[in-house]
């Protein structure tokens, strides 16, 4: 049963990555000073040992994007991100660090975020979906 859930999540992540690749990117010279107020819709962590969902779902958080950095407590942990603004206005970003690979996509008021983390020698997939509204200056 664990393998079924892991396989299902891998297919979802793979499908999302393919969809993101098929969107034409128009790199913005600066993607800065954007803030979103978000509420977590769902979160899951899956490893070869099993899956885990949060004890306290529905957390609220602020996501701030400024010049290659993304700040959001408990979601984004990398120090720098390659961020693109797509022709349709969506945002897409990736980051790669020693023990963590991340991809995120903002579309239609939703933030989709996935990280593959090496934790105590084992790979863990962590995925979140958040409903977000942009803070207007």
N, C-alpha and C. Protein backbone atom coordinates (compact mmCIF):
# COMPACT_ATOMS: atom_id res chain seq x y z
N UNK A 1 0.83 -1.19 0.00
CA UNK A 1 0.00 0.00 0.00
C UNK A 1 0.88 1.26 0.00
N UNK A 2 2.01 1.20 0.74
CA UNK A 2 2.91 2.36 0.78
C UNK A 2 3.46 2.65 -0.61
N UNK A 3 3.81 1.59 -1.33
CA UNK A 3 4.35 1.77 -2.68
C UNK A 3 3.32 2.39 -3.60
N UNK A 4 2.04 2.05 -3.40
CA UNK A 4 0.98 2.63 -4.21
C UNK A 4 0.91 4.14 -4.02
N UNK A 5 0.93 4.60 -2.76
CA UNK A 5 0.87 6.04 -2.48
C UNK A 5 2.12 6.76 -3.00
N UNK A 6 3.27 6.14 -2.81
CA UNK A 6 4.51 6.74 -3.30
C UNK A 6 4.49 6.85 -4.82
N UNK A 7 4.04 5.79 -5.48
CA UNK A 7 3.95 5.80 -6.94
C UNK A 7 2.95 6.86 -7.41
N UNK A 8 1.80 6.94 -6.73
CA UNK A 8 0.78 7.93 -7.08
C UNK A 8 1.33 9.35 -6.94
N UNK A 9 2.02 9.64 -5.84
CA UNK A 9 2.59 10.97 -5.63
C UNK A 9 3.66 11.26 -6.68
N UNK A 10 4.50 10.29 -6.98
CA UNK A 10 5.53 10.49 -8.00
C UNK A 10 4.90 10.83 -9.34
N UNK A 11 3.82 10.15 -9.69
CA UNK A 11 3.12 10.46 -10.95
C UNK A 11 2.55 11.86 -10.94
N UNK A 12 1.99 12.29 -9.81
CA UNK A 12 1.44 13.64 -9.69
C UNK A 12 2.55 14.67 -9.85
N UNK A 13 3.65 14.48 -9.14
CA UNK A 13 4.78 15.41 -9.22
C UNK A 13 5.35 15.42 -10.63
N UNK A 14 5.52 14.25 -11.23
CA UNK A 14 6.06 14.16 -12.59
C UNK A 14 5.13 14.88 -13.57
N UNK A 15 3.82 14.66 -13.44
CA UNK A 15 2.85 15.33 -14.31
C UNK A 15 2.90 16.84 -14.15
N UNK A 16 3.03 17.30 -12.91
CA UNK A 16 3.12 18.74 -12.66
C UNK A 16 4.38 19.32 -13.29
N UNK A 17 5.49 18.61 -13.16
CA UNK A 17 6.73 19.09 -13.76
C UNK A 17 6.63 19.14 -15.28
N UNK A 18 5.98 18.16 -15.89
CA UNK A 18 5.79 18.18 -17.34
C UNK A 18 4.91 19.36 -17.75
N UNK A 19 3.86 19.60 -16.98
CA UNK A 19 2.97 20.72 -17.29
C UNK A 19 3.71 22.04 -17.19
N UNK A 20 4.54 22.18 -16.17
CA UNK A 20 5.30 23.41 -15.99
C UNK A 20 6.28 23.60 -17.14
N UNK A 21 6.89 22.53 -17.61
CA UNK A 21 7.85 22.64 -18.71
C UNK A 21 7.17 23.03 -20.01
N UNK A 22 5.90 22.68 -20.19
CA UNK A 22 5.20 22.97 -21.43
C UNK A 22 4.73 24.41 -21.52
N UNK A 23 4.78 25.17 -20.44
CA UNK A 23 4.38 26.57 -20.47
C UNK A 23 5.58 27.39 -20.94
N UNK A 24 5.34 28.29 -21.86
CA UNK A 24 6.43 29.12 -22.38
C UNK A 24 6.84 30.13 -21.33
N UNK A 25 8.11 30.16 -21.01
CA UNK A 25 8.61 31.07 -19.98
C UNK A 25 9.08 32.36 -20.61
N UNK A 26 8.76 33.42 -19.95
CA UNK A 26 9.28 34.73 -20.32
C UNK A 26 9.99 35.24 -19.07
N UNK A 27 11.28 35.17 -19.06
CA UNK A 27 12.04 35.50 -17.87
C UNK A 27 11.92 36.97 -17.56
N UNK A 28 11.51 37.25 -16.35
CA UNK A 28 11.40 38.64 -15.91
C UNK A 28 12.74 39.10 -15.39
N UNK A 29 13.15 40.33 -15.73
CA UNK A 29 14.43 40.81 -15.22
C UNK A 29 14.43 40.88 -13.69
N UNK A 30 13.32 41.23 -13.12
CA UNK A 30 13.20 41.30 -11.66
C UNK A 30 11.83 40.78 -11.25
N UNK A 31 11.82 39.80 -10.42
CA UNK A 31 10.59 39.36 -9.78
C UNK A 31 10.81 39.71 -8.32
N UNK A 32 10.33 40.87 -7.92
CA UNK A 32 10.68 41.32 -6.57
C UNK A 32 9.50 41.96 -5.86
N UNK A 33 9.64 41.93 -4.56
CA UNK A 33 8.68 42.58 -3.66
C UNK A 33 7.24 42.18 -3.93
N UNK A 34 7.02 40.88 -4.03
CA UNK A 34 5.68 40.34 -4.17
C UNK A 34 5.38 39.60 -2.87
N UNK A 35 4.20 39.81 -2.35
CA UNK A 35 3.80 39.11 -1.13
C UNK A 35 2.41 38.50 -1.31
N UNK A 36 2.24 37.32 -0.75
CA UNK A 36 0.97 36.61 -0.80
C UNK A 36 0.58 36.22 0.61
N UNK A 37 -0.71 36.34 0.91
CA UNK A 37 -1.27 35.78 2.14
C UNK A 37 -1.86 34.44 1.75
N UNK A 38 -1.40 33.38 2.40
CA UNK A 38 -1.78 32.03 1.98
C UNK A 38 -2.36 31.22 3.14
N UNK A 39 -3.18 30.25 2.76
CA UNK A 39 -3.70 29.28 3.71
C UNK A 39 -3.46 27.90 3.12
N UNK A 40 -2.89 27.04 3.93
CA UNK A 40 -2.56 25.69 3.48
C UNK A 40 -3.84 24.89 3.23
N UNK A 41 -3.91 24.29 2.04
CA UNK A 41 -5.05 23.43 1.71
C UNK A 41 -4.72 21.99 2.05
N UNK A 42 -3.52 21.57 1.65
CA UNK A 42 -3.12 20.19 1.92
C UNK A 42 -1.60 20.09 1.95
N UNK A 43 -1.10 19.14 2.70
CA UNK A 43 0.34 18.90 2.82
C UNK A 43 0.55 17.42 3.09
N UNK A 44 1.60 16.88 2.48
CA UNK A 44 1.90 15.47 2.70
C UNK A 44 3.41 15.27 2.57
N UNK A 45 3.93 14.37 3.35
CA UNK A 45 5.32 13.93 3.24
C UNK A 45 5.31 12.43 3.02
N UNK A 46 6.10 11.99 2.04
CA UNK A 46 6.15 10.57 1.72
C UNK A 46 7.60 10.13 1.63
N UNK A 47 7.88 9.00 2.26
CA UNK A 47 9.21 8.40 2.20
C UNK A 47 9.03 6.91 1.94
N UNK A 48 10.11 6.19 1.70
CA UNK A 48 9.98 4.74 1.54
C UNK A 48 9.37 4.05 2.77
N UNK A 49 9.46 4.71 3.92
CA UNK A 49 8.92 4.13 5.14
C UNK A 49 7.44 4.42 5.34
N UNK A 50 6.86 5.33 4.57
CA UNK A 50 5.44 5.64 4.72
C UNK A 50 5.15 7.10 4.46
N UNK A 51 3.94 7.50 4.82
CA UNK A 51 3.51 8.88 4.60
C UNK A 51 3.07 9.53 5.90
N UNK A 52 3.06 10.85 5.88
CA UNK A 52 2.65 11.61 7.05
C UNK A 52 1.91 12.85 6.60
N UNK A 53 0.83 13.18 7.26
CA UNK A 53 0.13 14.43 7.03
C UNK A 53 0.20 15.24 8.32
N UNK A 54 0.07 16.56 8.21
CA UNK A 54 0.29 17.40 9.39
C UNK A 54 -0.75 17.20 10.48
N UNK A 55 -0.31 17.43 11.70
CA UNK A 55 -1.23 17.36 12.84
C UNK A 55 -2.15 18.57 12.87
N UNK A 56 -1.69 19.70 12.35
CA UNK A 56 -2.46 20.95 12.37
C UNK A 56 -2.58 21.52 10.96
N UNK A 57 -3.47 20.95 10.13
CA UNK A 57 -3.60 21.46 8.76
C UNK A 57 -4.27 22.83 8.74
N UNK A 58 -4.13 23.53 7.61
CA UNK A 58 -4.81 24.80 7.45
C UNK A 58 -4.06 25.99 7.98
N UNK A 59 -2.76 25.88 8.18
CA UNK A 59 -1.98 26.99 8.72
C UNK A 59 -2.00 28.18 7.75
N UNK A 60 -1.90 29.37 8.30
CA UNK A 60 -1.83 30.59 7.50
C UNK A 60 -0.38 31.07 7.49
N UNK A 61 0.07 31.57 6.34
CA UNK A 61 1.42 32.11 6.27
C UNK A 61 1.51 33.16 5.17
N UNK A 62 2.54 33.99 5.28
CA UNK A 62 2.84 35.00 4.29
C UNK A 62 4.03 34.52 3.47
N UNK A 63 3.90 34.59 2.14
CA UNK A 63 4.98 34.21 1.23
C UNK A 63 5.49 35.50 0.59
N UNK A 64 6.80 35.75 0.74
CA UNK A 64 7.42 36.95 0.17
C UNK A 64 8.47 36.55 -0.85
N UNK A 65 8.39 37.15 -2.04
CA UNK A 65 9.35 36.88 -3.11
C UNK A 65 10.09 38.17 -3.42
N UNK A 66 11.42 38.11 -3.40
CA UNK A 66 12.22 39.28 -3.69
C UNK A 66 13.57 38.89 -4.24
N UNK A 67 13.84 39.23 -5.49
CA UNK A 67 15.15 39.06 -6.12
C UNK A 67 15.80 37.71 -5.86
N UNK A 68 15.14 36.63 -6.23
CA UNK A 68 15.73 35.30 -6.12
C UNK A 68 15.59 34.65 -4.76
N UNK A 69 14.87 35.29 -3.84
CA UNK A 69 14.65 34.65 -2.55
C UNK A 69 13.15 34.50 -2.32
N UNK A 70 12.80 33.46 -1.61
CA UNK A 70 11.41 33.21 -1.23
C UNK A 70 11.40 32.93 0.26
N UNK A 71 10.58 33.66 0.99
CA UNK A 71 10.50 33.49 2.43
C UNK A 71 9.08 33.09 2.79
N UNK A 72 8.95 31.97 3.47
CA UNK A 72 7.67 31.50 4.00
C UNK A 72 8.00 30.46 5.06
N UNK A 73 7.68 30.75 6.29
CA UNK A 73 8.02 29.86 7.40
C UNK A 73 7.49 28.45 7.16
N UNK A 74 8.40 27.48 7.21
CA UNK A 74 8.01 26.09 7.15
C UNK A 74 7.73 25.55 5.76
N UNK A 75 7.97 26.34 4.69
CA UNK A 75 7.74 25.84 3.34
C UNK A 75 9.01 25.97 2.50
N UNK A 76 9.57 27.16 2.40
CA UNK A 76 10.75 27.41 1.58
C UNK A 76 11.99 27.48 2.46
N UNK A 77 13.01 26.67 2.13
CA UNK A 77 14.20 26.62 2.97
C UNK A 77 15.49 26.91 2.23
N UNK A 78 15.46 26.94 0.90
CA UNK A 78 16.69 27.18 0.14
C UNK A 78 17.06 28.65 0.21
N UNK A 79 18.34 28.93 -0.01
CA UNK A 79 18.81 30.32 0.10
C UNK A 79 18.56 31.13 -1.15
N UNK A 80 18.55 30.50 -2.33
CA UNK A 80 18.28 31.23 -3.57
C UNK A 80 17.43 30.37 -4.51
N UNK A 81 16.66 31.06 -5.36
CA UNK A 81 15.77 30.40 -6.30
C UNK A 81 15.92 31.04 -7.68
N UNK A 82 15.81 30.22 -8.72
CA UNK A 82 15.69 30.74 -10.08
C UNK A 82 14.19 30.91 -10.31
N UNK A 83 13.75 32.15 -10.50
CA UNK A 83 12.32 32.46 -10.58
C UNK A 83 12.01 33.07 -11.95
N UNK A 84 10.99 32.54 -12.60
CA UNK A 84 10.52 33.06 -13.88
C UNK A 84 9.10 33.56 -13.74
N UNK A 85 8.80 34.68 -14.41
CA UNK A 85 7.41 35.10 -14.58
C UNK A 85 7.03 34.66 -15.98
N UNK A 86 5.99 33.87 -16.09
CA UNK A 86 5.58 33.33 -17.37
C UNK A 86 4.70 34.33 -18.11
N UNK A 87 4.51 34.08 -19.40
CA UNK A 87 3.72 34.99 -20.22
C UNK A 87 2.32 35.20 -19.68
N UNK A 88 1.75 34.20 -19.03
CA UNK A 88 0.40 34.32 -18.48
C UNK A 88 0.38 34.96 -17.09
N UNK A 89 1.54 35.40 -16.59
CA UNK A 89 1.63 36.06 -15.28
C UNK A 89 1.96 35.13 -14.13
N UNK A 90 1.91 33.82 -14.35
CA UNK A 90 2.24 32.87 -13.30
C UNK A 90 3.72 32.98 -12.93
N UNK A 91 4.05 32.47 -11.75
CA UNK A 91 5.44 32.42 -11.30
C UNK A 91 5.86 30.97 -11.17
N UNK A 92 7.11 30.71 -11.56
CA UNK A 92 7.67 29.37 -11.46
C UNK A 92 9.07 29.50 -10.90
N UNK A 93 9.44 28.61 -9.99
CA UNK A 93 10.78 28.69 -9.42
C UNK A 93 11.34 27.33 -9.07
N UNK A 94 12.68 27.29 -9.07
CA UNK A 94 13.39 26.07 -8.70
C UNK A 94 14.59 26.43 -7.85
N UNK A 95 15.02 25.46 -7.07
CA UNK A 95 16.21 25.64 -6.26
C UNK A 95 16.85 24.28 -6.05
N UNK A 96 18.16 24.29 -5.97
CA UNK A 96 18.88 23.05 -5.71
C UNK A 96 19.99 23.34 -4.70
N UNK A 97 19.96 22.62 -3.60
CA UNK A 97 21.00 22.72 -2.60
C UNK A 97 21.45 21.32 -2.22
N UNK A 98 22.43 21.22 -1.36
CA UNK A 98 23.06 19.94 -1.05
C UNK A 98 22.05 18.85 -0.70
N UNK A 99 21.13 19.11 0.19
CA UNK A 99 20.19 18.09 0.66
C UNK A 99 18.75 18.38 0.28
N UNK A 100 18.54 19.28 -0.69
CA UNK A 100 17.17 19.72 -0.97
C UNK A 100 17.03 20.22 -2.40
N UNK A 101 16.04 19.69 -3.12
CA UNK A 101 15.64 20.19 -4.43
C UNK A 101 14.20 20.67 -4.31
N UNK A 102 13.91 21.87 -4.82
CA UNK A 102 12.57 22.43 -4.71
C UNK A 102 12.06 22.92 -6.05
N UNK A 103 10.75 22.83 -6.23
CA UNK A 103 10.08 23.43 -7.37
C UNK A 103 8.77 24.02 -6.85
N UNK A 104 8.42 25.22 -7.35
CA UNK A 104 7.13 25.78 -7.00
C UNK A 104 6.50 26.45 -8.20
N UNK A 105 5.18 26.61 -8.12
CA UNK A 105 4.42 27.19 -9.22
C UNK A 105 3.23 27.93 -8.64
N UNK A 106 3.09 29.22 -8.95
CA UNK A 106 1.91 30.01 -8.57
C UNK A 106 1.00 30.09 -9.78
N UNK A 107 -0.25 29.68 -9.62
CA UNK A 107 -1.21 29.75 -10.72
C UNK A 107 -2.62 29.89 -10.16
N UNK A 108 -3.35 30.85 -10.68
CA UNK A 108 -4.77 30.99 -10.34
C UNK A 108 -5.06 31.07 -8.86
N UNK A 109 -4.20 31.74 -8.11
CA UNK A 109 -4.43 31.88 -6.68
C UNK A 109 -3.95 30.70 -5.84
N UNK A 110 -3.24 29.78 -6.45
CA UNK A 110 -2.73 28.62 -5.73
C UNK A 110 -1.22 28.55 -5.85
N UNK A 111 -0.58 28.14 -4.78
CA UNK A 111 0.86 27.87 -4.75
C UNK A 111 1.03 26.36 -4.60
N UNK A 112 1.69 25.77 -5.59
CA UNK A 112 2.03 24.35 -5.56
C UNK A 112 3.52 24.27 -5.27
N UNK A 113 3.91 23.53 -4.25
CA UNK A 113 5.31 23.45 -3.84
C UNK A 113 5.67 22.01 -3.54
N UNK A 114 6.81 21.58 -4.07
CA UNK A 114 7.32 20.24 -3.78
C UNK A 114 8.82 20.31 -3.52
N UNK A 115 9.25 19.58 -2.53
CA UNK A 115 10.68 19.48 -2.21
C UNK A 115 11.03 18.01 -2.07
N UNK A 116 12.21 17.65 -2.60
CA UNK A 116 12.76 16.32 -2.36
C UNK A 116 13.95 16.54 -1.44
N UNK A 117 13.84 16.00 -0.25
CA UNK A 117 14.80 16.28 0.82
C UNK A 117 15.52 15.00 1.22
N UNK A 118 16.83 15.10 1.44
CA UNK A 118 17.57 13.99 2.01
C UNK A 118 17.58 14.18 3.51
N UNK A 119 16.96 13.24 4.21
CA UNK A 119 16.82 13.33 5.66
C UNK A 119 17.34 12.04 6.27
N UNK A 120 18.43 12.13 7.00
CA UNK A 120 19.06 10.98 7.64
C UNK A 120 19.34 9.86 6.63
N UNK A 121 19.86 10.26 5.45
CA UNK A 121 20.25 9.30 4.43
C UNK A 121 19.12 8.78 3.56
N UNK A 122 17.88 9.20 3.82
CA UNK A 122 16.74 8.73 3.06
C UNK A 122 16.08 9.91 2.34
N UNK A 123 15.52 9.68 1.16
CA UNK A 123 14.82 10.72 0.42
C UNK A 123 13.38 10.81 0.90
N UNK A 124 12.91 12.06 1.05
CA UNK A 124 11.55 12.34 1.47
C UNK A 124 10.96 13.35 0.48
N UNK A 125 9.74 13.09 0.01
CA UNK A 125 9.03 14.05 -0.84
C UNK A 125 8.05 14.80 0.04
N UNK A 126 8.14 16.13 0.00
CA UNK A 126 7.23 16.98 0.78
C UNK A 126 6.48 17.86 -0.19
N UNK A 127 5.15 17.81 -0.18
CA UNK A 127 4.35 18.61 -1.10
C UNK A 127 3.28 19.38 -0.33
N UNK A 128 3.06 20.63 -0.78
CA UNK A 128 2.03 21.47 -0.21
C UNK A 128 1.25 22.14 -1.33
N UNK A 129 -0.03 22.41 -1.06
CA UNK A 129 -0.85 23.25 -1.91
C UNK A 129 -1.44 24.31 -0.98
N UNK A 130 -1.24 25.58 -1.38
CA UNK A 130 -1.76 26.69 -0.60
C UNK A 130 -2.65 27.57 -1.46
N UNK A 131 -3.72 28.07 -0.88
CA UNK A 131 -4.59 29.04 -1.53
C UNK A 131 -4.07 30.43 -1.13
N UNK A 132 -3.81 31.29 -2.14
CA UNK A 132 -3.12 32.55 -1.86
C UNK A 132 -3.83 33.74 -2.53
N UNK A 133 -3.73 34.89 -1.88
CA UNK A 133 -4.13 36.16 -2.47
C UNK A 133 -2.93 37.09 -2.40
N UNK A 134 -2.71 37.82 -3.48
CA UNK A 134 -1.56 38.73 -3.54
C UNK A 134 -1.84 39.98 -2.72
N UNK A 135 -0.87 40.37 -1.89
CA UNK A 135 -0.95 41.63 -1.16
C UNK A 135 -0.66 42.74 -2.15
N UNK A 136 -1.56 43.69 -2.25
CA UNK A 136 -1.33 44.83 -3.15
C UNK A 136 -0.69 45.96 -2.36
N UNK A 137 0.37 46.60 -2.93
CA UNK A 137 1.06 47.68 -2.21
C UNK A 137 0.19 48.89 -2.00
